[in-house]
Amino acid sequence: MLRLHPHGKTLVRPAALLLLIVAAAITVILVLPAGGTNLWPVRLGIGAAALIAAVLVFGIPFLKWRTTTYEVTNRRLRLREGILTRTGRDFPLNRISDVQFRQGLIDRIFGCGTLVVESPGEQGRLELDEIPEIGKVQANLFQLVQDEGMRAGRTQPQIRPDLPTRPYPIDPGNWPGS
């Protein structure tokens, strides 16, 4: 089983904003006169405002990142997300008709991308953003879909030059995030 969270690059912007908030709060507190009388409530207010801003800017995106999981088993692909209320979506591998990925320039630098999974039906397209090591995940998911189709007797093995020929063991221990 493969269990992933979105790539850590999703937290770069919130982390940069967090550093900016902390630096601004420290600067404002240090600029206040040292000998000023009754400035402790102002300093306390600045600290409280910085803490609230930090939770909103970094804490919520971090919790969203931490509670979003993508799971691939030998039978299904699952998406689970949500902080207070959870939502989920399951795709049985035998219903998946296509597995693709997209990577922009920044995604290629970070080694992540968007996994696009399609299956017949009215809600048949699922796009999973910020998947780490997208090429490996897509290749392994494609192979699992092919294996499931062959097990069910619906498909013939497809020749893909970018994948090793079967049989070879799929070792989920070597997948990203394990």
C-alpha atoms as a PDB file:
ATOM      1  CA  MET A   1       0.000   0.000   0.000  1.00  0.00           C
ATOM      2  CA  LEU A   2       1.199   3.487  -0.861  1.00  0.00           C
ATOM      3  CA  ARG A   3       0.136   6.387   1.333  1.00  0.00           C
ATOM      4  CA  LEU A   4       1.093   9.927   0.364  1.00  0.00           C
ATOM      5  CA  HIS A   5       0.475  13.491   1.399  1.00  0.00           C
ATOM      6  CA  PRO A   6       0.673  16.360  -1.071  1.00  0.00           C
ATOM      7  CA  HIS A   7       4.241  17.455  -1.801  1.00  0.00           C
ATOM      8  CA  GLY A   8       5.842  19.660   0.850  1.00  0.00           C
ATOM      9  CA  LYS A   9       6.144  22.521  -1.658  1.00  0.00           C
ATOM     10  CA  THR A  10       2.525  23.360  -0.823  1.00  0.00           C
ATOM     11  CA  LEU A  11       3.798  24.684   2.513  1.00  0.00           C
ATOM     12  CA  VAL A  12       6.534  26.945   1.093  1.00  0.00           C
ATOM     13  CA  ARG A  13       4.328  30.024   0.719  1.00  0.00           C
ATOM     14  CA  PRO A  14       2.638  29.653   4.140  1.00  0.00           C
ATOM     15  CA  ALA A  15       6.078  29.147   5.752  1.00  0.00           C
ATOM     16  CA  ALA A  16       7.437  32.288   4.060  1.00  0.00           C
ATOM     17  CA  LEU A  17       4.416  34.271   5.246  1.00  0.00           C
ATOM     18  CA  LEU A  18       4.887  32.877   8.761  1.00  0.00           C
ATOM     19  CA  LEU A  19       8.502  34.084   8.798  1.00  0.00           C
ATOM     20  CA  LEU A  20       7.359  37.492   7.566  1.00  0.00           C
ATOM     21  CA  ILE A  21       4.732  37.737  10.330  1.00  0.00           C
ATOM     22  CA  VAL A  22       7.230  36.753  13.032  1.00  0.00           C
ATOM     23  CA  ALA A  23       9.848  39.204  11.709  1.00  0.00           C
ATOM     24  CA  ALA A  24       7.292  42.032  11.532  1.00  0.00           C
ATOM     25  CA  ALA A  25       6.020  41.354  15.056  1.00  0.00           C
ATOM     26  CA  ILE A  26       9.545  41.277  16.501  1.00  0.00           C
ATOM     27  CA  THR A  27      10.466  44.459  14.649  1.00  0.00           C
ATOM     28  CA  VAL A  28       7.402  46.357  15.884  1.00  0.00           C
ATOM     29  CA  ILE A  29       7.975  45.184  19.465  1.00  0.00           C
ATOM     30  CA  LEU A  30      11.641  46.236  19.344  1.00  0.00           C
ATOM     31  CA  VAL A  31      10.802  49.643  17.852  1.00  0.00           C
ATOM     32  CA  LEU A  32       8.570  50.497  20.795  1.00  0.00           C
ATOM     33  CA  PRO A  33      10.404  52.636  23.358  1.00  0.00           C
ATOM     34  CA  ALA A  34      12.135  50.530  25.997  1.00  0.00           C
ATOM     35  CA  GLY A  35      11.382  52.873  28.848  1.00  0.00           C
ATOM     36  CA  GLY A  36       7.803  53.542  27.867  1.00  0.00           C
ATOM     37  CA  THR A  37       5.306  53.149  30.657  1.00  0.00           C
ATOM     38  CA  ASN A  38       2.383  50.795  30.263  1.00  0.00           C
ATOM     39  CA  LEU A  39       3.564  49.369  26.910  1.00  0.00           C
ATOM     40  CA  TRP A  40       3.170  45.770  28.004  1.00  0.00           C
ATOM     41  CA  PRO A  41      -0.493  45.676  26.829  1.00  0.00           C
ATOM     42  CA  VAL A  42       0.620  46.928  23.404  1.00  0.00           C
ATOM     43  CA  ARG A  43       3.391  44.299  23.233  1.00  0.00           C
ATOM     44  CA  LEU A  44       0.942  41.633  24.355  1.00  0.00           C
ATOM     45  CA  GLY A  45      -1.564  42.753  21.716  1.00  0.00           C
ATOM     46  CA  ILE A  46       1.081  42.623  18.982  1.00  0.00           C
ATOM     47  CA  GLY A  47       2.116  39.142  20.097  1.00  0.00           C
ATOM     48  CA  ALA A  48      -1.500  37.945  20.177  1.00  0.00           C
ATOM     49  CA  ALA A  49      -2.201  39.410  16.730  1.00  0.00           C
ATOM     50  CA  ALA A  50       0.973  37.746  15.377  1.00  0.00           C
ATOM     51  CA  LEU A  51      -0.079  34.412  16.894  1.00  0.00           C
ATOM     52  CA  ILE A  52      -3.562  34.608  15.360  1.00  0.00           C
ATOM     53  CA  ALA A  53      -2.099  35.575  11.988  1.00  0.00           C
ATOM     54  CA  ALA A  54       0.419  32.713  12.205  1.00  0.00           C
ATOM     55  CA  VAL A  55      -2.334  30.181  12.885  1.00  0.00           C
ATOM     56  CA  LEU A  56      -4.411  31.479   9.977  1.00  0.00           C
ATOM     57  CA  VAL A  57      -1.505  31.770   7.540  1.00  0.00           C
ATOM     58  CA  PHE A  58       0.453  28.607   8.423  1.00  0.00           C
ATOM     59  CA  GLY A  59      -1.526  26.459  10.852  1.00  0.00           C
ATOM     60  CA  ILE A  60      -4.590  25.916   8.665  1.00  0.00           C
ATOM     61  CA  PRO A  61      -2.619  25.092   5.470  1.00  0.00           C
ATOM     62  CA  PHE A  62      -0.413  22.733   7.512  1.00  0.00           C
ATOM     63  CA  LEU A  63      -3.442  20.909   8.929  1.00  0.00           C
ATOM     64  CA  LYS A  64      -4.984  20.718   5.467  1.00  0.00           C
ATOM     65  CA  TRP A  65      -1.725  19.273   4.089  1.00  0.00           C
ATOM     66  CA  ARG A  66      -1.436  16.797   6.977  1.00  0.00           C
ATOM     67  CA  THR A  67      -5.028  15.582   6.746  1.00  0.00           C
ATOM     68  CA  THR A  68      -4.991  15.113   2.953  1.00  0.00           C
ATOM     69  CA  THR A  69      -3.936  11.594   2.043  1.00  0.00           C
ATOM     70  CA  TYR A  70      -3.719   9.655  -1.170  1.00  0.00           C
ATOM     71  CA  GLU A  71      -3.677   5.880  -0.838  1.00  0.00           C
ATOM     72  CA  VAL A  72      -3.018   3.283  -3.503  1.00  0.00           C
ATOM     73  CA  THR A  73      -3.684  -0.354  -2.693  1.00  0.00           C
ATOM     74  CA  ASN A  74      -3.743  -3.339  -5.011  1.00  0.00           C
ATOM     75  CA  ARG A  75      -7.533  -2.841  -5.324  1.00  0.00           C
ATOM     76  CA  ARG A  76      -8.296   0.903  -5.155  1.00  0.00           C
ATOM     77  CA  LEU A  77      -7.140   4.498  -5.207  1.00  0.00           C
ATOM     78  CA  ARG A  78      -8.420   6.589  -2.294  1.00  0.00           C
ATOM     79  CA  LEU A  79      -8.482  10.303  -1.565  1.00  0.00           C
ATOM     80  CA  ARG A  80      -9.217  11.513   1.955  1.00  0.00           C
ATOM     81  CA  GLU A  81      -9.195  15.183   2.969  1.00  0.00           C
ATOM     82  CA  GLY A  82     -10.594  17.588   5.517  1.00  0.00           C
ATOM     83  CA  ILE A  83      -9.700  19.119   8.854  1.00  0.00           C
ATOM     84  CA  LEU A  84     -13.006  19.222  10.736  1.00  0.00           C
ATOM     85  CA  THR A  85     -15.204  17.389   8.259  1.00  0.00           C
ATOM     86  CA  ARG A  86     -13.703  14.583   6.196  1.00  0.00           C
ATOM     87  CA  THR A  87     -14.512  13.782   2.599  1.00  0.00           C
ATOM     88  CA  GLY A  88     -13.318  10.845   0.605  1.00  0.00           C
ATOM     89  CA  ARG A  89     -13.394   9.395  -2.833  1.00  0.00           C
ATOM     90  CA  ASP A  90     -12.505   5.856  -3.885  1.00  0.00           C
ATOM     91  CA  PHE A  91     -11.659   4.614  -7.351  1.00  0.00           C
ATOM     92  CA  PRO A  92     -11.581   0.818  -7.706  1.00  0.00           C
ATOM     93  CA  LEU A  93      -8.594  -0.057  -9.904  1.00  0.00           C
ATOM     94  CA  ASN A  94     -10.789  -2.210 -12.146  1.00  0.00           C
ATOM     95  CA  ARG A  95     -12.815   0.923 -13.066  1.00  0.00           C
ATOM     96  CA  ILE A  96      -9.836   3.102 -13.975  1.00  0.00           C
ATOM     97  CA  SER A  97      -9.456   3.533 -17.724  1.00  0.00           C
ATOM     98  CA  ASP A  98      -6.524   5.957 -17.909  1.00  0.00           C
ATOM     99  CA  VAL A  99      -3.690   7.211 -15.694  1.00  0.00           C
ATOM    100  CA  GLN A 100      -1.761  10.345 -16.701  1.00  0.00           C
ATOM    101  CA  PHE A 101       0.351  12.997 -15.072  1.00  0.00           C
ATOM    102  CA  ARG A 102       1.160  16.659 -15.677  1.00  0.00           C
ATOM    103  CA  GLN A 103       4.198  18.610 -14.572  1.00  0.00           C
ATOM    104  CA  GLY A 104       4.932  22.271 -15.026  1.00  0.00           C
ATOM    105  CA  LEU A 105       8.421  23.718 -14.779  1.00  0.00           C
ATOM    106  CA  ILE A 106       8.250  24.346 -11.022  1.00  0.00           C
ATOM    107  CA  ASP A 107       6.766  20.871 -10.482  1.00  0.00           C
ATOM    108  CA  ARG A 108       9.664  19.328 -12.404  1.00  0.00           C
ATOM    109  CA  ILE A 109      12.152  21.193 -10.225  1.00  0.00           C
ATOM    110  CA  PHE A 110      10.466  19.901  -7.060  1.00  0.00           C
ATOM    111  CA  GLY A 111       9.784  16.412  -8.485  1.00  0.00           C
ATOM    112  CA  CYS A 112       6.027  16.536  -8.090  1.00  0.00           C
ATOM    113  CA  GLY A 113       2.991  16.908 -10.340  1.00  0.00           C
ATOM    114  CA  THR A 114      -0.696  16.306 -10.904  1.00  0.00           C
ATOM    115  CA  LEU A 115      -1.957  12.747 -11.276  1.00  0.00           C
ATOM    116  CA  VAL A 116      -4.997  12.480 -13.560  1.00  0.00           C
ATOM    117  CA  VAL A 117      -7.093   9.330 -13.177  1.00  0.00           C
ATOM    118  CA  GLU A 118     -10.076   8.667 -15.420  1.00  0.00           C
ATOM    119  CA  SER A 119     -12.836   6.115 -15.258  1.00  0.00           C
ATOM    120  CA  PRO A 120     -16.194   5.757 -16.972  1.00  0.00           C
ATOM    121  CA  GLY A 121     -19.153   7.494 -15.360  1.00  0.00           C
ATOM    122  CA  GLU A 122     -20.382  10.969 -14.615  1.00  0.00           C
ATOM    123  CA  GLN A 123     -17.726  11.678 -11.964  1.00  0.00           C
ATOM    124  CA  GLY A 124     -15.040   9.817 -13.811  1.00  0.00           C
ATOM    125  CA  ARG A 125     -12.111  12.220 -13.595  1.00  0.00           C
ATOM    126  CA  LEU A 126      -9.968  12.688 -10.526  1.00  0.00           C
ATOM    127  CA  GLU A 127      -7.030  15.100 -10.397  1.00  0.00           C
ATOM    128  CA  LEU A 128      -4.671  14.743  -7.463  1.00  0.00           C
ATOM    129  CA  ASP A 129      -2.402  17.774  -7.123  1.00  0.00           C
ATOM    130  CA  GLU A 130       1.135  17.974  -5.768  1.00  0.00           C
ATOM    131  CA  ILE A 131       1.899  14.243  -5.825  1.00  0.00           C
ATOM    132  CA  PRO A 132       5.547  13.628  -4.864  1.00  0.00           C
ATOM    133  CA  GLU A 133       7.662  11.587  -7.329  1.00  0.00           C
ATOM    134  CA  ILE A 134       4.816  11.696  -9.829  1.00  0.00           C
ATOM    135  CA  GLY A 135       6.537   9.627 -12.527  1.00  0.00           C
ATOM    136  CA  LYS A 136       7.048   6.630 -10.237  1.00  0.00           C
ATOM    137  CA  VAL A 137       3.557   6.889  -8.778  1.00  0.00           C
ATOM    138  CA  GLN A 138       1.945   7.087 -12.245  1.00  0.00           C
ATOM    139  CA  ALA A 139       3.976   4.150 -13.592  1.00  0.00           C
ATOM    140  CA  ASN A 140       3.202   1.971 -10.562  1.00  0.00           C
ATOM    141  CA  LEU A 141      -0.486   2.896 -10.569  1.00  0.00           C
ATOM    142  CA  PHE A 142      -0.696   2.161 -14.305  1.00  0.00           C
ATOM    143  CA  GLN A 143       0.906  -1.234 -13.725  1.00  0.00           C
ATOM    144  CA  LEU A 144      -1.484  -2.015 -10.851  1.00  0.00           C
ATOM    145  CA  VAL A 145      -4.447  -1.070 -13.077  1.00  0.00           C
ATOM    146  CA  GLN A 146      -3.127  -3.369 -15.803  1.00  0.00           C
ATOM    147  CA  ASP A 147      -2.580  -6.188 -13.301  1.00  0.00           C
ATOM    148  CA  GLU A 148      -6.108  -5.782 -11.953  1.00  0.00           C
ATOM    149  CA  GLY A 149      -7.514  -5.858 -15.493  1.00  0.00           C
ATOM    150  CA  MET A 150      -5.552  -9.002 -16.338  1.00  0.00           C
ATOM    151  CA  ARG A 151      -6.625 -10.630 -13.060  1.00  0.00           C
ATOM    152  CA  ALA A 152     -10.240  -9.943 -13.957  1.00  0.00           C
ATOM    153  CA  GLY A 153      -9.616 -11.198 -17.513  1.00  0.00           C
ATOM    154  CA  ARG A 154     -10.664  -7.942 -19.187  1.00  0.00           C
ATOM    155  CA  THR A 155      -7.389  -6.676 -20.618  1.00  0.00           C
ATOM    156  CA  GLN A 156      -4.307  -7.996 -22.293  1.00  0.00           C
ATOM    157  CA  PRO A 157      -0.909  -6.867 -21.097  1.00  0.00           C
ATOM    158  CA  GLN A 158       0.172  -3.637 -22.766  1.00  0.00           C
ATOM    159  CA  ILE A 159       3.720  -3.157 -23.942  1.00  0.00           C
ATOM    160  CA  ARG A 160       5.102   0.032 -22.450  1.00  0.00           C
ATOM    161  CA  PRO A 161       8.760   0.758 -23.101  1.00  0.00           C
ATOM    162  CA  ASP A 162       8.979   3.018 -20.051  1.00  0.00           C
ATOM    163  CA  LEU A 163       7.976   0.191 -17.674  1.00  0.00           C
ATOM    164  CA  PRO A 164       9.908  -3.005 -16.929  1.00  0.00           C
ATOM    165  CA  THR A 165       8.391  -6.100 -18.456  1.00  0.00           C
ATOM    166  CA  ARG A 166       6.259  -8.327 -16.249  1.00  0.00           C
ATOM    167  CA  PRO A 167       6.594 -10.303 -14.132  1.00  0.00           C
ATOM    168  CA  TYR A 168       8.421  -8.130 -11.655  1.00  0.00           C
ATOM    169  CA  PRO A 169       7.541  -7.571  -8.036  1.00  0.00           C
ATOM    170  CA  ILE A 170       5.875  -4.317  -7.131  1.00  0.00           C
ATOM    171  CA  ASP A 171       7.462  -3.382  -3.854  1.00  0.00           C
ATOM    172  CA  PRO A 172       5.406  -0.657  -2.148  1.00  0.00           C
ATOM    173  CA  GLY A 173       8.262  -0.245   0.345  1.00  0.00           C
ATOM    174  CA  ASN A 174      10.256   1.549  -2.366  1.00  0.00           C
ATOM    175  CA  TRP A 175       7.476   3.947  -3.288  1.00  0.00           C
ATOM    176  CA  PRO A 176       7.626   7.587  -2.302  1.00  0.00           C
ATOM    177  CA  GLY A 177       6.308   8.321   1.152  1.00  0.00           C
ATOM    178  CA  SER A 178       6.856   4.807   2.531  1.00  0.00           C
END
